[in-house]
N, C-alpha and C. Protein backbone atom coordinates (compact mmCIF):
# COMPACT_ATOMS: atom_id res chain seq x y z
N MET A 1 -55.51 32.61 -10.40
CA MET A 1 -54.79 31.41 -10.04
C MET A 1 -53.35 31.54 -10.53
N ALA A 2 -52.45 31.33 -9.63
CA ALA A 2 -51.04 31.47 -9.97
C ALA A 2 -50.56 30.31 -10.82
N SER A 3 -50.88 29.11 -10.42
CA SER A 3 -50.46 27.96 -11.22
C SER A 3 -51.42 26.81 -10.98
N SER A 4 -51.48 25.99 -11.94
CA SER A 4 -52.29 24.80 -11.77
C SER A 4 -51.42 23.62 -12.15
N ALA A 5 -51.40 22.65 -11.30
CA ALA A 5 -50.56 21.49 -11.56
C ALA A 5 -51.37 20.24 -11.30
N ASN A 6 -51.30 19.34 -12.20
CA ASN A 6 -51.96 18.05 -12.03
C ASN A 6 -50.87 17.01 -11.81
N HIS A 7 -50.99 16.33 -10.72
CA HIS A 7 -50.01 15.30 -10.40
C HIS A 7 -50.66 13.94 -10.58
N ILE A 8 -50.04 13.13 -11.32
CA ILE A 8 -50.55 11.79 -11.55
C ILE A 8 -49.52 10.82 -11.01
N ILE A 9 -49.96 9.95 -10.17
CA ILE A 9 -49.07 8.94 -9.62
C ILE A 9 -49.41 7.62 -10.28
N LEU A 10 -48.46 7.08 -10.94
CA LEU A 10 -48.64 5.79 -11.60
C LEU A 10 -47.95 4.73 -10.76
N CYS A 11 -48.62 3.69 -10.54
CA CYS A 11 -48.05 2.63 -9.73
C CYS A 11 -47.93 1.38 -10.60
N ASN A 12 -46.73 1.06 -10.96
CA ASN A 12 -46.48 -0.14 -11.73
C ASN A 12 -45.93 -1.19 -10.79
N THR A 13 -46.54 -2.30 -10.75
CA THR A 13 -46.03 -3.35 -9.88
C THR A 13 -45.15 -4.27 -10.70
N THR A 14 -43.98 -4.45 -10.22
CA THR A 14 -43.07 -5.40 -10.84
C THR A 14 -42.64 -6.37 -9.76
N THR A 15 -42.60 -7.59 -10.06
CA THR A 15 -42.21 -8.58 -9.08
C THR A 15 -40.75 -8.94 -9.29
N ILE A 16 -40.06 -8.96 -8.17
CA ILE A 16 -38.66 -9.34 -8.17
C ILE A 16 -38.61 -10.69 -7.46
N THR A 17 -38.13 -11.65 -8.13
CA THR A 17 -38.11 -12.98 -7.53
C THR A 17 -36.83 -13.15 -6.74
N THR A 18 -37.02 -13.46 -5.49
CA THR A 18 -35.91 -13.80 -4.63
C THR A 18 -36.19 -15.15 -4.03
N LYS A 19 -35.23 -15.76 -3.47
CA LYS A 19 -35.41 -17.10 -2.94
C LYS A 19 -36.37 -17.15 -1.74
N PRO A 20 -36.20 -16.30 -0.69
CA PRO A 20 -37.10 -16.45 0.45
C PRO A 20 -38.53 -16.00 0.16
N MET A 21 -38.71 -14.86 -0.50
CA MET A 21 -40.05 -14.36 -0.75
C MET A 21 -40.05 -13.47 -1.98
N GLN A 22 -41.23 -13.13 -2.40
CA GLN A 22 -41.34 -12.25 -3.55
C GLN A 22 -41.68 -10.85 -3.07
N LEU A 23 -40.99 -9.85 -3.64
CA LEU A 23 -41.21 -8.46 -3.27
C LEU A 23 -41.87 -7.73 -4.42
N GLN A 24 -42.70 -6.77 -4.07
CA GLN A 24 -43.31 -5.93 -5.09
C GLN A 24 -42.79 -4.51 -4.91
N ARG A 25 -42.46 -3.87 -6.02
CA ARG A 25 -41.94 -2.52 -5.97
C ARG A 25 -42.92 -1.60 -6.68
N CYS A 26 -43.18 -0.46 -6.07
CA CYS A 26 -44.10 0.51 -6.65
C CYS A 26 -43.28 1.69 -7.14
N ARG A 27 -43.35 1.98 -8.42
CA ARG A 27 -42.60 3.08 -9.00
C ARG A 27 -43.58 4.23 -9.21
N THR A 28 -43.21 5.40 -8.66
CA THR A 28 -44.09 6.55 -8.82
C THR A 28 -43.50 7.48 -9.87
N THR A 29 -44.34 7.94 -10.72
CA THR A 29 -43.94 8.88 -11.74
C THR A 29 -44.78 10.13 -11.56
N ARG A 30 -44.13 11.25 -11.56
CA ARG A 30 -44.83 12.50 -11.32
C ARG A 30 -44.83 13.30 -12.63
N THR A 31 -46.00 13.62 -13.05
CA THR A 31 -46.12 14.46 -14.24
C THR A 31 -46.88 15.71 -13.84
N SER A 32 -46.51 16.81 -14.42
CA SER A 32 -47.21 18.05 -14.08
C SER A 32 -47.35 18.89 -15.33
N THR A 33 -48.38 19.70 -15.29
CA THR A 33 -48.58 20.66 -16.37
C THR A 33 -48.36 22.03 -15.79
N THR A 34 -47.54 22.81 -16.41
CA THR A 34 -47.22 24.13 -15.87
C THR A 34 -47.69 25.20 -16.83
N THR A 35 -47.84 26.40 -16.27
CA THR A 35 -48.20 27.55 -17.08
C THR A 35 -47.01 28.49 -17.17
N ALA A 36 -47.18 29.58 -17.87
CA ALA A 36 -46.08 30.53 -18.07
C ALA A 36 -45.73 31.27 -16.78
N SER A 37 -46.66 31.37 -15.83
CA SER A 37 -46.40 32.11 -14.60
C SER A 37 -45.53 31.33 -13.63
N ASP A 38 -45.23 30.06 -13.89
CA ASP A 38 -44.41 29.25 -12.98
C ASP A 38 -42.91 29.48 -13.17
N ASP A 39 -42.51 30.30 -14.12
CA ASP A 39 -41.10 30.54 -14.36
C ASP A 39 -40.47 31.40 -13.27
N LYS A 40 -41.26 32.13 -12.48
CA LYS A 40 -40.73 32.96 -11.40
C LYS A 40 -40.30 32.06 -10.24
N PRO A 41 -39.21 32.43 -9.55
CA PRO A 41 -38.83 31.64 -8.38
C PRO A 41 -39.81 31.90 -7.24
N THR A 42 -40.20 30.85 -6.56
CA THR A 42 -41.14 30.98 -5.44
C THR A 42 -40.38 31.29 -4.17
N LYS A 43 -41.13 31.61 -3.11
CA LYS A 43 -40.51 31.94 -1.84
C LYS A 43 -39.76 30.75 -1.27
N SER A 44 -40.33 29.57 -1.42
CA SER A 44 -39.67 28.39 -0.85
C SER A 44 -38.37 28.07 -1.59
N SER A 45 -38.33 28.28 -2.90
CA SER A 45 -37.09 28.01 -3.62
C SER A 45 -36.02 29.04 -3.26
N ARG A 46 -36.42 30.30 -3.00
CA ARG A 46 -35.47 31.30 -2.55
C ARG A 46 -34.92 30.96 -1.16
N ARG A 47 -35.81 30.47 -0.31
CA ARG A 47 -35.37 30.07 1.03
C ARG A 47 -34.34 28.95 0.96
N TRP A 48 -34.60 27.98 0.09
CA TRP A 48 -33.66 26.87 -0.06
C TRP A 48 -32.32 27.38 -0.60
N ALA A 49 -32.37 28.30 -1.54
CA ALA A 49 -31.14 28.84 -2.10
C ALA A 49 -30.33 29.59 -1.04
N ILE A 50 -31.01 30.37 -0.23
CA ILE A 50 -30.33 31.11 0.84
C ILE A 50 -29.75 30.15 1.87
N MET A 51 -30.55 29.15 2.24
CA MET A 51 -30.09 28.20 3.24
C MET A 51 -28.88 27.41 2.74
N LEU A 52 -28.91 26.99 1.49
CA LEU A 52 -27.78 26.25 0.93
C LEU A 52 -26.54 27.13 0.83
N THR A 53 -26.73 28.42 0.51
CA THR A 53 -25.61 29.33 0.46
C THR A 53 -24.97 29.50 1.83
N VAL A 54 -25.80 29.64 2.85
CA VAL A 54 -25.30 29.80 4.22
C VAL A 54 -24.57 28.54 4.66
N LEU A 55 -25.15 27.38 4.38
CA LEU A 55 -24.50 26.13 4.77
C LEU A 55 -23.17 25.93 4.04
N ALA A 56 -23.15 26.27 2.78
CA ALA A 56 -21.90 26.13 2.02
C ALA A 56 -20.84 27.08 2.54
N ALA A 57 -21.24 28.29 2.89
CA ALA A 57 -20.28 29.26 3.40
C ALA A 57 -19.77 28.86 4.78
N SER A 58 -20.67 28.31 5.62
CA SER A 58 -20.24 27.94 6.95
C SER A 58 -19.35 26.71 6.95
N SER A 59 -19.52 25.83 5.96
CA SER A 59 -18.67 24.65 5.92
C SER A 59 -17.29 24.95 5.40
N THR A 60 -17.13 26.04 4.67
CA THR A 60 -15.81 26.38 4.14
C THR A 60 -14.99 27.20 5.13
N THR A 61 -15.62 27.86 6.09
CA THR A 61 -14.86 28.65 7.05
C THR A 61 -14.24 27.71 8.07
N PRO A 62 -13.05 27.99 8.54
CA PRO A 62 -12.44 27.12 9.53
C PRO A 62 -13.18 27.22 10.86
N LEU A 63 -13.20 26.12 11.57
CA LEU A 63 -13.88 26.11 12.85
C LEU A 63 -13.07 26.90 13.86
N LEU A 64 -13.77 27.74 14.59
CA LEU A 64 -13.10 28.54 15.61
C LEU A 64 -12.96 27.70 16.86
N ARG A 65 -11.77 27.56 17.34
CA ARG A 65 -11.53 26.75 18.53
C ARG A 65 -11.31 27.68 19.71
N THR A 66 -11.82 27.24 20.85
CA THR A 66 -11.62 28.03 22.05
C THR A 66 -10.21 27.78 22.57
N PRO A 67 -9.59 28.77 23.16
CA PRO A 67 -8.25 28.56 23.70
C PRO A 67 -8.30 27.59 24.87
N PRO A 68 -7.20 26.95 25.19
CA PRO A 68 -7.21 26.03 26.31
C PRO A 68 -7.59 26.73 27.60
N SER A 69 -8.23 26.00 28.48
CA SER A 69 -8.75 26.62 29.70
C SER A 69 -7.62 27.04 30.62
N ARG A 70 -7.85 28.08 31.32
CA ARG A 70 -6.91 28.59 32.30
C ARG A 70 -7.47 28.32 33.70
N ALA A 71 -6.66 28.48 34.70
CA ALA A 71 -7.08 28.16 36.07
C ALA A 71 -8.22 29.06 36.53
N GLN A 72 -8.32 30.28 36.00
CA GLN A 72 -9.34 31.21 36.46
C GLN A 72 -10.66 31.04 35.73
N SER A 73 -10.73 30.29 34.67
CA SER A 73 -11.94 30.24 33.88
C SER A 73 -12.79 29.00 34.10
N TRP A 74 -12.56 28.24 35.16
CA TRP A 74 -13.39 27.07 35.40
C TRP A 74 -14.67 27.50 36.07
N GLY A 75 -15.72 26.84 35.74
CA GLY A 75 -16.99 27.14 36.36
C GLY A 75 -18.03 26.13 35.94
N THR A 76 -19.24 26.39 36.34
CA THR A 76 -20.32 25.46 36.07
C THR A 76 -20.59 25.35 34.58
N HIS A 77 -20.48 26.44 33.84
CA HIS A 77 -20.83 26.42 32.43
C HIS A 77 -19.85 25.61 31.59
N SER A 78 -18.59 25.53 32.02
CA SER A 78 -17.61 24.81 31.23
C SER A 78 -17.42 23.38 31.70
N PHE A 79 -18.21 22.93 32.66
CA PHE A 79 -18.03 21.59 33.21
C PHE A 79 -18.21 20.51 32.16
N MET A 80 -19.30 20.57 31.41
CA MET A 80 -19.57 19.53 30.41
C MET A 80 -18.49 19.54 29.32
N LYS A 81 -18.09 20.72 28.90
CA LYS A 81 -17.10 20.82 27.85
C LYS A 81 -15.76 20.25 28.31
N GLU A 82 -15.34 20.63 29.53
CA GLU A 82 -14.06 20.16 30.01
C GLU A 82 -14.09 18.70 30.42
N LYS A 83 -15.23 18.23 30.91
CA LYS A 83 -15.32 16.85 31.37
C LYS A 83 -15.30 15.87 30.21
N TYR A 84 -16.01 16.18 29.13
CA TYR A 84 -16.18 15.20 28.07
C TYR A 84 -15.48 15.55 26.76
N PHE A 85 -15.24 16.83 26.48
CA PHE A 85 -14.74 17.21 25.17
C PHE A 85 -13.34 17.80 25.17
N MET A 86 -12.78 18.09 26.31
CA MET A 86 -11.45 18.68 26.37
C MET A 86 -10.45 17.63 26.85
N PRO A 87 -9.22 17.71 26.38
CA PRO A 87 -8.20 16.78 26.88
C PRO A 87 -7.83 17.13 28.31
N GLU A 88 -7.14 16.22 28.94
CA GLU A 88 -6.75 16.46 30.34
C GLU A 88 -5.80 17.64 30.43
N ILE A 89 -5.84 18.30 31.57
CA ILE A 89 -5.02 19.49 31.77
C ILE A 89 -3.69 19.09 32.39
N SER A 90 -2.77 20.00 32.40
CA SER A 90 -1.43 19.73 32.91
C SER A 90 -1.46 19.65 34.44
N PRO A 91 -0.44 19.05 35.05
CA PRO A 91 -0.40 18.97 36.52
C PRO A 91 -0.38 20.35 37.19
N GLU A 92 0.29 21.32 36.57
CA GLU A 92 0.33 22.67 37.16
C GLU A 92 -1.07 23.30 37.15
N ASP A 93 -1.82 23.09 36.06
CA ASP A 93 -3.19 23.60 36.02
C ASP A 93 -4.08 22.86 37.02
N SER A 94 -3.80 21.59 37.25
CA SER A 94 -4.57 20.84 38.25
C SER A 94 -4.33 21.40 39.65
N VAL A 95 -3.08 21.74 39.94
CA VAL A 95 -2.78 22.34 41.25
C VAL A 95 -3.48 23.68 41.38
N ALA A 96 -3.48 24.47 40.30
CA ALA A 96 -4.17 25.77 40.34
C ALA A 96 -5.67 25.58 40.53
N ARG A 97 -6.24 24.56 39.91
CA ARG A 97 -7.67 24.32 40.07
C ARG A 97 -8.00 23.80 41.46
N ILE A 98 -7.08 23.05 42.08
CA ILE A 98 -7.29 22.63 43.48
C ILE A 98 -7.29 23.85 44.39
N ARG A 99 -6.39 24.79 44.13
CA ARG A 99 -6.39 26.03 44.93
C ARG A 99 -7.69 26.80 44.74
N GLN A 100 -8.17 26.86 43.51
CA GLN A 100 -9.42 27.57 43.25
C GLN A 100 -10.60 26.85 43.91
N THR A 101 -10.58 25.53 43.91
CA THR A 101 -11.64 24.77 44.59
C THR A 101 -11.64 25.08 46.08
N THR A 102 -10.46 25.18 46.66
CA THR A 102 -10.36 25.51 48.09
C THR A 102 -10.93 26.90 48.36
N GLU A 103 -10.59 27.86 47.52
CA GLU A 103 -11.14 29.21 47.70
C GLU A 103 -12.65 29.21 47.54
N GLY A 104 -13.15 28.46 46.58
CA GLY A 104 -14.60 28.38 46.37
C GLY A 104 -15.31 27.73 47.54
N MET A 105 -14.69 26.72 48.13
CA MET A 105 -15.30 26.08 49.30
C MET A 105 -15.33 27.02 50.50
N HIS A 106 -14.29 27.87 50.62
CA HIS A 106 -14.29 28.86 51.70
C HIS A 106 -15.41 29.88 51.51
N GLU A 107 -15.68 30.24 50.25
CA GLU A 107 -16.72 31.23 49.97
C GLU A 107 -18.13 30.64 49.99
N MET A 108 -18.24 29.35 50.22
CA MET A 108 -19.54 28.69 50.19
C MET A 108 -20.29 28.78 51.53
N ARG A 109 -19.68 29.37 52.54
CA ARG A 109 -20.29 29.40 53.88
C ARG A 109 -21.65 30.08 53.88
N HIS A 110 -21.81 31.16 53.09
CA HIS A 110 -23.09 31.87 53.10
C HIS A 110 -24.21 30.98 52.59
N MET A 111 -23.91 30.05 51.69
CA MET A 111 -24.95 29.13 51.22
C MET A 111 -25.35 28.16 52.32
N LEU A 112 -24.39 27.75 53.14
CA LEU A 112 -24.73 26.89 54.28
C LEU A 112 -25.52 27.67 55.33
N ASP A 113 -25.13 28.94 55.55
CA ASP A 113 -25.84 29.75 56.54
C ASP A 113 -27.29 29.99 56.15
N THR A 114 -27.55 30.17 54.87
CA THR A 114 -28.93 30.38 54.42
C THR A 114 -29.65 29.06 54.13
N MET A 115 -28.94 27.95 54.34
CA MET A 115 -29.48 26.60 54.14
C MET A 115 -29.99 26.39 52.72
N SER A 116 -29.19 26.80 51.78
CA SER A 116 -29.49 26.57 50.37
C SER A 116 -28.93 25.20 49.98
N TRP A 117 -29.58 24.17 50.45
CA TRP A 117 -29.02 22.82 50.34
C TRP A 117 -28.86 22.38 48.90
N ARG A 118 -29.80 22.74 48.06
CA ARG A 118 -29.72 22.30 46.67
C ARG A 118 -28.48 22.87 45.97
N TYR A 119 -28.21 24.16 46.19
CA TYR A 119 -27.04 24.79 45.57
C TYR A 119 -25.74 24.24 46.16
N VAL A 120 -25.74 24.01 47.46
CA VAL A 120 -24.56 23.45 48.11
C VAL A 120 -24.27 22.06 47.54
N MET A 121 -25.32 21.27 47.39
CA MET A 121 -25.15 19.90 46.88
C MET A 121 -24.61 19.92 45.45
N PHE A 122 -25.16 20.77 44.59
CA PHE A 122 -24.67 20.85 43.21
C PHE A 122 -23.22 21.35 43.18
N TYR A 123 -22.90 22.33 44.00
CA TYR A 123 -21.55 22.88 44.02
C TYR A 123 -20.55 21.83 44.49
N ILE A 124 -20.90 21.11 45.53
CA ILE A 124 -19.99 20.08 46.06
C ILE A 124 -19.77 18.98 45.03
N ARG A 125 -20.83 18.56 44.39
CA ARG A 125 -20.69 17.49 43.39
C ARG A 125 -19.87 17.95 42.19
N LEU A 126 -20.05 19.20 41.78
CA LEU A 126 -19.27 19.74 40.68
C LEU A 126 -17.79 19.77 41.03
N LYS A 127 -17.48 20.30 42.20
CA LYS A 127 -16.08 20.40 42.61
C LYS A 127 -15.48 19.03 42.88
N ALA A 128 -16.27 18.09 43.37
CA ALA A 128 -15.77 16.73 43.60
C ALA A 128 -15.44 16.05 42.28
N ALA A 129 -16.23 16.32 41.24
CA ALA A 129 -15.95 15.73 39.93
C ALA A 129 -14.64 16.26 39.36
N TYR A 130 -14.39 17.56 39.53
CA TYR A 130 -13.11 18.12 39.10
C TYR A 130 -11.96 17.57 39.94
N LEU A 131 -12.20 17.51 41.25
CA LEU A 131 -11.15 17.15 42.18
C LEU A 131 -10.64 15.73 41.94
N GLU A 132 -11.50 14.86 41.49
CA GLU A 132 -11.10 13.47 41.23
C GLU A 132 -9.96 13.41 40.23
N THR A 133 -10.10 14.12 39.11
CA THR A 133 -9.04 14.10 38.10
C THR A 133 -7.87 14.99 38.49
N ASP A 134 -8.15 16.09 39.21
CA ASP A 134 -7.08 16.99 39.59
C ASP A 134 -6.11 16.35 40.58
N LEU A 135 -6.62 15.55 41.51
CA LEU A 135 -5.75 14.89 42.46
C LEU A 135 -4.83 13.89 41.77
N LYS A 136 -5.36 13.22 40.75
CA LYS A 136 -4.52 12.28 39.99
C LYS A 136 -3.46 13.02 39.18
N ASN A 137 -3.85 14.12 38.55
CA ASN A 137 -2.89 14.88 37.75
C ASN A 137 -1.85 15.58 38.60
N ALA A 138 -2.24 16.07 39.77
CA ALA A 138 -1.32 16.82 40.62
C ALA A 138 -0.27 15.92 41.25
N MET A 139 -0.46 14.63 41.20
CA MET A 139 0.52 13.71 41.79
C MET A 139 1.85 13.77 41.03
N ALA A 140 1.81 14.19 39.78
CA ALA A 140 3.05 14.31 38.99
C ALA A 140 3.94 15.43 39.51
N VAL A 141 3.36 16.41 40.20
CA VAL A 141 4.13 17.52 40.73
C VAL A 141 4.83 17.13 42.03
N VAL A 142 4.25 16.20 42.76
CA VAL A 142 4.77 15.80 44.07
C VAL A 142 6.02 14.94 43.88
N PRO A 143 7.10 15.20 44.64
CA PRO A 143 8.29 14.36 44.54
C PRO A 143 8.01 12.93 45.04
N LYS A 144 8.78 11.98 44.54
CA LYS A 144 8.57 10.55 44.85
C LYS A 144 8.56 10.25 46.35
N PRO A 145 9.49 10.80 47.16
CA PRO A 145 9.47 10.43 48.58
C PRO A 145 8.21 10.88 49.33
N LYS A 146 7.50 11.88 48.79
CA LYS A 146 6.32 12.42 49.48
C LYS A 146 5.00 11.85 48.94
N HIS A 147 5.06 10.85 48.09
CA HIS A 147 3.84 10.30 47.49
C HIS A 147 2.89 9.71 48.53
N GLN A 148 3.42 8.99 49.51
CA GLN A 148 2.54 8.35 50.50
C GLN A 148 1.80 9.38 51.35
N SER A 149 2.49 10.45 51.75
CA SER A 149 1.81 11.48 52.54
C SER A 149 0.79 12.23 51.67
N TYR A 150 1.10 12.44 50.39
CA TYR A 150 0.15 13.08 49.48
C TYR A 150 -1.10 12.21 49.32
N ILE A 151 -0.90 10.92 49.16
CA ILE A 151 -2.03 10.00 48.99
C ILE A 151 -2.90 10.01 50.24
N LYS A 152 -2.29 10.08 51.41
CA LYS A 152 -3.05 10.12 52.67
C LYS A 152 -3.90 11.39 52.75
N ILE A 153 -3.29 12.53 52.42
CA ILE A 153 -4.03 13.80 52.48
C ILE A 153 -5.13 13.83 51.41
N ALA A 154 -4.84 13.33 50.22
CA ALA A 154 -5.83 13.32 49.14
C ALA A 154 -7.02 12.42 49.48
N ASN A 155 -6.74 11.26 50.09
CA ASN A 155 -7.83 10.38 50.52
C ASN A 155 -8.67 11.03 51.60
N GLU A 156 -8.05 11.77 52.49
CA GLU A 156 -8.78 12.49 53.53
C GLU A 156 -9.70 13.55 52.92
N VAL A 157 -9.22 14.25 51.89
CA VAL A 157 -10.04 15.25 51.20
C VAL A 157 -11.25 14.58 50.55
N VAL A 158 -11.01 13.49 49.84
CA VAL A 158 -12.11 12.80 49.14
C VAL A 158 -13.12 12.26 50.14
N ASP A 159 -12.65 11.67 51.24
CA ASP A 159 -13.58 11.13 52.25
C ASP A 159 -14.41 12.23 52.91
N SER A 160 -13.77 13.35 53.23
CA SER A 160 -14.52 14.42 53.89
C SER A 160 -15.53 15.06 52.92
N MET A 161 -15.18 15.16 51.63
CA MET A 161 -16.14 15.71 50.66
C MET A 161 -17.30 14.74 50.43
N THR A 162 -17.02 13.46 50.46
CA THR A 162 -18.09 12.47 50.32
C THR A 162 -19.03 12.52 51.52
N ASP A 163 -18.47 12.63 52.72
CA ASP A 163 -19.33 12.75 53.91
C ASP A 163 -20.12 14.05 53.89
N LEU A 164 -19.49 15.14 53.47
CA LEU A 164 -20.20 16.42 53.38
C LEU A 164 -21.36 16.31 52.39
N ASP A 165 -21.13 15.67 51.26
CA ASP A 165 -22.19 15.49 50.28
C ASP A 165 -23.33 14.65 50.85
N ARG A 166 -22.99 13.62 51.60
CA ARG A 166 -24.03 12.76 52.18
C ARG A 166 -24.88 13.52 53.20
N PHE A 167 -24.24 14.33 54.05
CA PHE A 167 -25.00 15.04 55.08
C PHE A 167 -25.74 16.25 54.53
N VAL A 168 -25.26 16.84 53.46
CA VAL A 168 -26.00 17.93 52.83
C VAL A 168 -27.23 17.38 52.13
N ARG A 169 -27.10 16.17 51.58
CA ARG A 169 -28.23 15.56 50.88
C ARG A 169 -29.36 15.21 51.84
N THR A 170 -29.06 14.90 53.10
CA THR A 170 -30.13 14.45 54.00
C THR A 170 -31.12 15.52 54.45
N PRO A 171 -31.01 16.74 54.63
CA PRO A 171 -29.97 17.65 55.10
C PRO A 171 -29.93 17.68 56.62
N LYS A 172 -28.81 17.37 57.17
CA LYS A 172 -28.58 17.46 58.62
C LYS A 172 -27.66 18.64 58.86
N VAL A 173 -28.17 19.60 59.62
CA VAL A 173 -27.49 20.89 59.74
C VAL A 173 -26.17 20.76 60.50
N TYR A 174 -26.20 20.15 61.68
CA TYR A 174 -25.00 20.09 62.51
C TYR A 174 -23.89 19.30 61.81
N GLU A 175 -24.27 18.13 61.27
CA GLU A 175 -23.27 17.29 60.60
C GLU A 175 -22.74 17.97 59.33
N SER A 176 -23.61 18.72 58.66
CA SER A 176 -23.16 19.44 57.46
C SER A 176 -22.10 20.47 57.81
N TYR A 177 -22.32 21.24 58.88
CA TYR A 177 -21.32 22.21 59.31
C TYR A 177 -20.04 21.52 59.77
N LEU A 178 -20.19 20.41 60.48
CA LEU A 178 -19.04 19.68 60.99
C LEU A 178 -18.15 19.18 59.84
N TYR A 179 -18.78 18.55 58.85
CA TYR A 179 -17.99 18.03 57.74
C TYR A 179 -17.57 19.12 56.76
N TYR A 180 -18.26 20.24 56.76
CA TYR A 180 -17.80 21.39 55.98
C TYR A 180 -16.47 21.89 56.54
N GLU A 181 -16.41 22.03 57.86
CA GLU A 181 -15.15 22.47 58.49
C GLU A 181 -14.05 21.43 58.29
N LYS A 182 -14.41 20.16 58.38
CA LYS A 182 -13.42 19.11 58.18
C LYS A 182 -12.90 19.13 56.73
N THR A 183 -13.79 19.37 55.77
CA THR A 183 -13.38 19.46 54.37
C THR A 183 -12.46 20.65 54.14
N LEU A 184 -12.79 21.79 54.78
CA LEU A 184 -11.94 22.97 54.64
C LEU A 184 -10.55 22.71 55.20
N LYS A 185 -10.47 22.04 56.36
CA LYS A 185 -9.16 21.74 56.95
C LYS A 185 -8.35 20.82 56.05
N SER A 186 -8.99 19.81 55.50
CA SER A 186 -8.25 18.87 54.66
C SER A 186 -7.84 19.53 53.33
N LEU A 187 -8.69 20.39 52.77
CA LEU A 187 -8.31 21.11 51.55
C LEU A 187 -7.18 22.09 51.80
N ASP A 188 -7.23 22.78 52.95
CA ASP A 188 -6.12 23.69 53.30
C ASP A 188 -4.81 22.93 53.48
N ALA A 189 -4.90 21.74 54.11
CA ALA A 189 -3.68 20.92 54.28
C ALA A 189 -3.15 20.48 52.91
N LEU A 190 -4.04 20.17 52.00
CA LEU A 190 -3.61 19.76 50.66
C LEU A 190 -2.96 20.91 49.91
N VAL A 191 -3.53 22.11 50.02
CA VAL A 191 -2.97 23.26 49.32
C VAL A 191 -1.59 23.61 49.90
N THR A 192 -1.44 23.56 51.22
CA THR A 192 -0.12 23.85 51.81
C THR A 192 0.88 22.76 51.45
N PHE A 193 0.43 21.53 51.30
CA PHE A 193 1.32 20.44 50.89
C PHE A 193 1.81 20.65 49.44
N LEU A 194 0.90 21.12 48.58
CA LEU A 194 1.25 21.32 47.18
C LEU A 194 2.04 22.61 46.93
N ALA A 195 2.02 23.54 47.89
CA ALA A 195 2.74 24.82 47.70
C ALA A 195 4.23 24.67 47.84
């Protein structure tokens, strides 16, 4: 036997008088008898020591921060981080991301041809979520006299992407292709307007 320990729990009830009701408190006292073999550190105490050392070391090291996102590094994996934890990007980066969205939508044709509706729907919704903030940020790049034409083109892009999302969700093949082409035309018009 490595060790023998007797634990005795004593429960002393003391009443604390309060105005609404009386509470009882139970105080536990732990007594143990140890032998000479208990002086060695156990595996669990070593684990705690190692874990505390690691936690202390990790809290003292500076947090490594990721560099700000660039126009080429947007994707599905960084969506949550950029949407909720990163500050807004500059108008120039928004224009670059609109161009990348347009290129991505052009490359999406094979997914429509193979009728991968689920992937198309996720991709469209992801790009639409980015596009919402990018269109607002990119307005700072547009000169004041051209704001009304920019707003018209941007609304056309948002409407065509919303219709494309609706028809992909149903899934209606002809309408999906029709609004896919309409979305591509409106995105191309937006990119040429911003260039």
